[in-house]
Amino acid sequence: MDGFQPVRDGDILLTKDNFIFYAFGYDHPTDKVISYVKYIPKDIQAQFRLPWINFEWNLDELKFVRPKQLYSPEIFKEVQRVFK
């Protein structure tokens, strides 16, 4: 791809739906990135049954919240439930 820069470990990815993911690792499948969700748009926070850090992050007019815990089978399962 012309102008393509590979995604690297720790890169921050803002999706079109305003989720912020962090890339994990250096080797990714073609047209995909291995990553985990770190910040969730505040306006959909209630859809997730998760404990939250009591702080909001801002990016322009967007407000984000972050789960207290990012890495666990329970957190992964809950994120999958909402994304489905």
N, C-alpha and C. Protein backbone atom coordinates (compact mmCIF):
# COMPACT_ATOMS: atom_id res chain seq x y z
N MET A 1 0.84 -1.19 0.00
CA MET A 1 0.00 0.00 0.00
C MET A 1 0.88 1.25 0.00
N ASP A 2 0.55 2.15 -0.84
CA ASP A 2 1.32 3.38 -0.92
C ASP A 2 1.01 4.27 0.29
N GLY A 3 2.03 4.68 1.02
CA GLY A 3 1.84 5.53 2.19
C GLY A 3 1.40 4.81 3.45
N PHE A 4 1.34 3.49 3.41
CA PHE A 4 0.90 2.71 4.57
C PHE A 4 1.99 2.64 5.62
N GLN A 5 1.61 2.91 6.85
CA GLN A 5 2.54 2.73 7.97
C GLN A 5 2.01 1.59 8.82
N PRO A 6 2.85 0.61 9.12
CA PRO A 6 2.36 -0.51 9.94
C PRO A 6 2.00 -0.05 11.35
N VAL A 7 0.99 -0.69 11.90
CA VAL A 7 0.57 -0.40 13.27
C VAL A 7 1.55 -1.09 14.20
N ARG A 8 1.97 -0.36 15.23
CA ARG A 8 2.95 -0.88 16.18
C ARG A 8 2.35 -0.99 17.57
N ASP A 9 2.96 -1.77 18.40
CA ASP A 9 2.55 -1.95 19.78
C ASP A 9 2.39 -0.60 20.46
N GLY A 10 1.23 -0.38 21.07
CA GLY A 10 0.99 0.86 21.80
C GLY A 10 0.39 1.98 20.97
N ASP A 11 0.27 1.79 19.65
CA ASP A 11 -0.36 2.82 18.83
C ASP A 11 -1.81 3.00 19.27
N ILE A 12 -2.30 4.22 19.18
CA ILE A 12 -3.66 4.55 19.58
C ILE A 12 -4.53 4.62 18.33
N LEU A 13 -5.68 3.94 18.39
CA LEU A 13 -6.58 3.86 17.24
C LEU A 13 -7.95 4.41 17.63
N LEU A 14 -8.38 5.47 16.96
CA LEU A 14 -9.71 6.03 17.17
C LEU A 14 -10.60 5.52 16.05
N THR A 15 -11.67 4.82 16.40
CA THR A 15 -12.55 4.24 15.38
C THR A 15 -13.58 5.28 14.92
N LYS A 16 -14.26 4.97 13.83
CA LYS A 16 -15.31 5.85 13.33
C LYS A 16 -16.47 5.94 14.31
N ASP A 17 -16.59 4.97 15.21
CA ASP A 17 -17.64 4.98 16.24
C ASP A 17 -17.15 5.58 17.55
N ASN A 18 -15.97 6.19 17.51
CA ASN A 18 -15.38 6.91 18.65
C ASN A 18 -14.98 6.03 19.83
N PHE A 19 -14.54 4.81 19.55
CA PHE A 19 -13.89 3.99 20.56
C PHE A 19 -12.39 4.19 20.40
N ILE A 20 -11.67 4.17 21.50
CA ILE A 20 -10.22 4.26 21.43
C ILE A 20 -9.64 2.91 21.82
N PHE A 21 -8.89 2.33 20.89
CA PHE A 21 -8.22 1.05 21.08
C PHE A 21 -6.72 1.29 21.14
N TYR A 22 -6.02 0.40 21.82
CA TYR A 22 -4.56 0.40 21.80
C TYR A 22 -4.10 -0.85 21.09
N ALA A 23 -3.19 -0.69 20.13
CA ALA A 23 -2.64 -1.83 19.40
C ALA A 23 -1.77 -2.67 20.33
N PHE A 24 -1.80 -3.96 20.09
CA PHE A 24 -1.06 -4.92 20.91
C PHE A 24 -0.16 -5.73 19.99
N GLY A 25 1.13 -5.54 20.10
CA GLY A 25 2.08 -6.31 19.32
C GLY A 25 2.46 -5.63 18.01
N TYR A 26 3.29 -6.31 17.26
CA TYR A 26 3.83 -5.77 16.01
C TYR A 26 3.40 -6.56 14.78
N ASP A 27 2.92 -7.77 14.96
CA ASP A 27 2.54 -8.64 13.86
C ASP A 27 1.02 -8.78 13.84
N HIS A 28 0.38 -8.23 12.81
CA HIS A 28 -1.08 -8.23 12.72
C HIS A 28 -1.53 -8.92 11.44
N PRO A 29 -2.71 -9.55 11.48
CA PRO A 29 -3.23 -10.15 10.24
C PRO A 29 -3.45 -9.07 9.17
N THR A 30 -3.50 -9.49 7.93
CA THR A 30 -3.76 -8.56 6.83
C THR A 30 -5.11 -7.87 7.05
N ASP A 31 -5.13 -6.55 6.93
CA ASP A 31 -6.34 -5.73 7.06
C ASP A 31 -6.99 -5.79 8.45
N LYS A 32 -6.24 -6.18 9.47
CA LYS A 32 -6.75 -6.21 10.84
C LYS A 32 -5.65 -5.75 11.79
N VAL A 33 -6.07 -5.38 13.00
CA VAL A 33 -5.11 -4.99 14.03
C VAL A 33 -5.51 -5.67 15.32
N ILE A 34 -4.58 -6.32 15.96
CA ILE A 34 -4.83 -6.91 17.28
C ILE A 34 -4.76 -5.76 18.28
N SER A 35 -5.84 -5.56 19.02
CA SER A 35 -5.91 -4.40 19.92
C SER A 35 -6.92 -4.67 21.03
N TYR A 36 -6.97 -3.75 21.98
CA TYR A 36 -7.96 -3.82 23.05
C TYR A 36 -8.56 -2.44 23.24
N VAL A 37 -9.83 -2.43 23.62
CA VAL A 37 -10.52 -1.16 23.84
C VAL A 37 -10.04 -0.58 25.18
N LYS A 38 -9.69 0.70 25.16
CA LYS A 38 -9.23 1.34 26.38
C LYS A 38 -10.17 2.44 26.83
N TYR A 39 -10.72 3.20 25.89
CA TYR A 39 -11.65 4.29 26.23
C TYR A 39 -12.93 4.12 25.44
N ILE A 40 -14.05 4.34 26.14
CA ILE A 40 -15.37 4.13 25.58
C ILE A 40 -16.10 5.47 25.60
N PRO A 41 -16.85 5.78 24.54
CA PRO A 41 -17.60 7.03 24.56
C PRO A 41 -18.55 7.09 25.76
N LYS A 42 -18.51 8.20 26.46
CA LYS A 42 -19.31 8.34 27.68
C LYS A 42 -20.80 8.15 27.41
N ASP A 43 -21.27 8.58 26.25
CA ASP A 43 -22.70 8.50 25.97
C ASP A 43 -23.23 7.07 25.83
N ILE A 44 -22.36 6.07 25.74
CA ILE A 44 -22.84 4.68 25.71
C ILE A 44 -22.30 3.85 26.89
N GLN A 45 -21.74 4.53 27.86
CA GLN A 45 -21.18 3.86 29.04
C GLN A 45 -22.18 2.91 29.70
N ALA A 46 -23.45 3.31 29.78
CA ALA A 46 -24.47 2.52 30.47
C ALA A 46 -24.71 1.16 29.83
N GLN A 47 -24.32 0.98 28.57
CA GLN A 47 -24.51 -0.31 27.90
C GLN A 47 -23.55 -1.38 28.41
N PHE A 48 -22.46 -0.94 29.03
CA PHE A 48 -21.45 -1.86 29.55
C PHE A 48 -21.65 -2.07 31.04
N ARG A 49 -21.68 -3.31 31.46
CA ARG A 49 -21.78 -3.64 32.88
C ARG A 49 -20.37 -3.80 33.44
N LEU A 50 -19.72 -2.66 33.63
CA LEU A 50 -18.33 -2.64 34.07
C LEU A 50 -18.14 -1.59 35.16
N PRO A 51 -17.17 -1.80 36.06
CA PRO A 51 -16.79 -0.72 36.97
C PRO A 51 -15.89 0.28 36.23
N TRP A 52 -16.09 1.56 36.50
CA TRP A 52 -15.40 2.62 35.76
C TRP A 52 -14.48 3.44 36.66
N ILE A 53 -13.43 3.95 36.07
CA ILE A 53 -12.58 4.93 36.75
C ILE A 53 -13.41 6.21 36.87
N ASN A 54 -13.34 6.86 37.99
CA ASN A 54 -14.15 8.06 38.23
C ASN A 54 -13.44 9.30 37.65
N PHE A 55 -13.35 9.32 36.32
CA PHE A 55 -12.69 10.42 35.63
C PHE A 55 -13.14 10.38 34.18
N GLU A 56 -13.22 11.53 33.54
CA GLU A 56 -13.56 11.60 32.12
C GLU A 56 -12.40 12.17 31.34
N TRP A 57 -12.20 11.66 30.13
CA TRP A 57 -11.18 12.17 29.22
C TRP A 57 -11.90 12.87 28.08
N ASN A 58 -11.30 13.93 27.56
CA ASN A 58 -11.90 14.69 26.47
C ASN A 58 -10.98 14.71 25.25
N LEU A 59 -11.60 14.61 24.09
CA LEU A 59 -10.92 14.79 22.82
C LEU A 59 -11.84 15.66 21.99
N ASP A 60 -11.48 16.91 21.85
CA ASP A 60 -12.38 17.90 21.23
C ASP A 60 -13.70 17.89 22.00
N GLU A 61 -14.82 17.67 21.31
CA GLU A 61 -16.11 17.64 22.02
C GLU A 61 -16.48 16.26 22.55
N LEU A 62 -15.68 15.26 22.26
CA LEU A 62 -15.96 13.89 22.69
C LEU A 62 -15.54 13.68 24.14
N LYS A 63 -16.35 12.92 24.88
CA LYS A 63 -16.02 12.55 26.25
C LYS A 63 -15.89 11.04 26.31
N PHE A 64 -14.86 10.59 27.04
CA PHE A 64 -14.57 9.16 27.15
C PHE A 64 -14.47 8.75 28.60
N VAL A 65 -14.77 7.48 28.85
CA VAL A 65 -14.57 6.86 30.16
C VAL A 65 -13.73 5.62 29.95
N ARG A 66 -13.18 5.13 31.07
CA ARG A 66 -12.32 3.96 30.99
C ARG A 66 -12.69 2.96 32.07
N PRO A 67 -12.78 1.69 31.70
CA PRO A 67 -13.03 0.67 32.73
C PRO A 67 -11.88 0.64 33.74
N LYS A 68 -12.20 0.28 34.97
CA LYS A 68 -11.16 0.17 35.99
C LYS A 68 -10.15 -0.91 35.63
N GLN A 69 -10.63 -1.97 35.04
CA GLN A 69 -9.74 -3.07 34.66
C GLN A 69 -9.86 -3.28 33.15
N LEU A 70 -8.73 -3.48 32.49
CA LEU A 70 -8.74 -3.64 31.04
C LEU A 70 -8.52 -5.07 30.59
N TYR A 71 -7.80 -5.85 31.37
CA TYR A 71 -7.39 -7.19 30.93
C TYR A 71 -7.93 -8.25 31.87
N SER A 72 -8.97 -8.91 31.48
CA SER A 72 -9.44 -10.09 32.20
C SER A 72 -10.45 -10.80 31.30
N PRO A 73 -10.65 -12.08 31.50
CA PRO A 73 -11.65 -12.78 30.70
C PRO A 73 -13.05 -12.17 30.86
N GLU A 74 -13.37 -11.72 32.07
CA GLU A 74 -14.68 -11.13 32.32
C GLU A 74 -14.87 -9.82 31.54
N ILE A 75 -13.84 -8.99 31.53
CA ILE A 75 -13.92 -7.72 30.81
C ILE A 75 -14.04 -8.00 29.31
N PHE A 76 -13.24 -8.90 28.80
CA PHE A 76 -13.28 -9.26 27.38
C PHE A 76 -14.68 -9.75 27.00
N LYS A 77 -15.25 -10.60 27.83
CA LYS A 77 -16.58 -11.15 27.56
C LYS A 77 -17.64 -10.06 27.54
N GLU A 78 -17.54 -9.11 28.45
CA GLU A 78 -18.51 -8.01 28.50
C GLU A 78 -18.37 -7.09 27.29
N VAL A 79 -17.16 -6.79 26.89
CA VAL A 79 -16.95 -5.96 25.71
C VAL A 79 -17.51 -6.68 24.48
N GLN A 80 -17.27 -7.96 24.35
CA GLN A 80 -17.81 -8.73 23.24
C GLN A 80 -19.34 -8.70 23.25
N ARG A 81 -19.94 -8.83 24.42
CA ARG A 81 -21.40 -8.82 24.53
C ARG A 81 -21.97 -7.52 23.97
N VAL A 82 -21.38 -6.39 24.35
CA VAL A 82 -21.90 -5.11 23.89
C VAL A 82 -21.64 -4.92 22.40
N PHE A 83 -20.48 -5.30 21.92
CA PHE A 83 -20.16 -5.11 20.52
C PHE A 83 -21.02 -5.94 19.59
N LYS A 84 -21.49 -7.08 20.08
CA LYS A 84 -22.37 -7.92 19.26
C LYS A 84 -23.70 -7.20 19.07
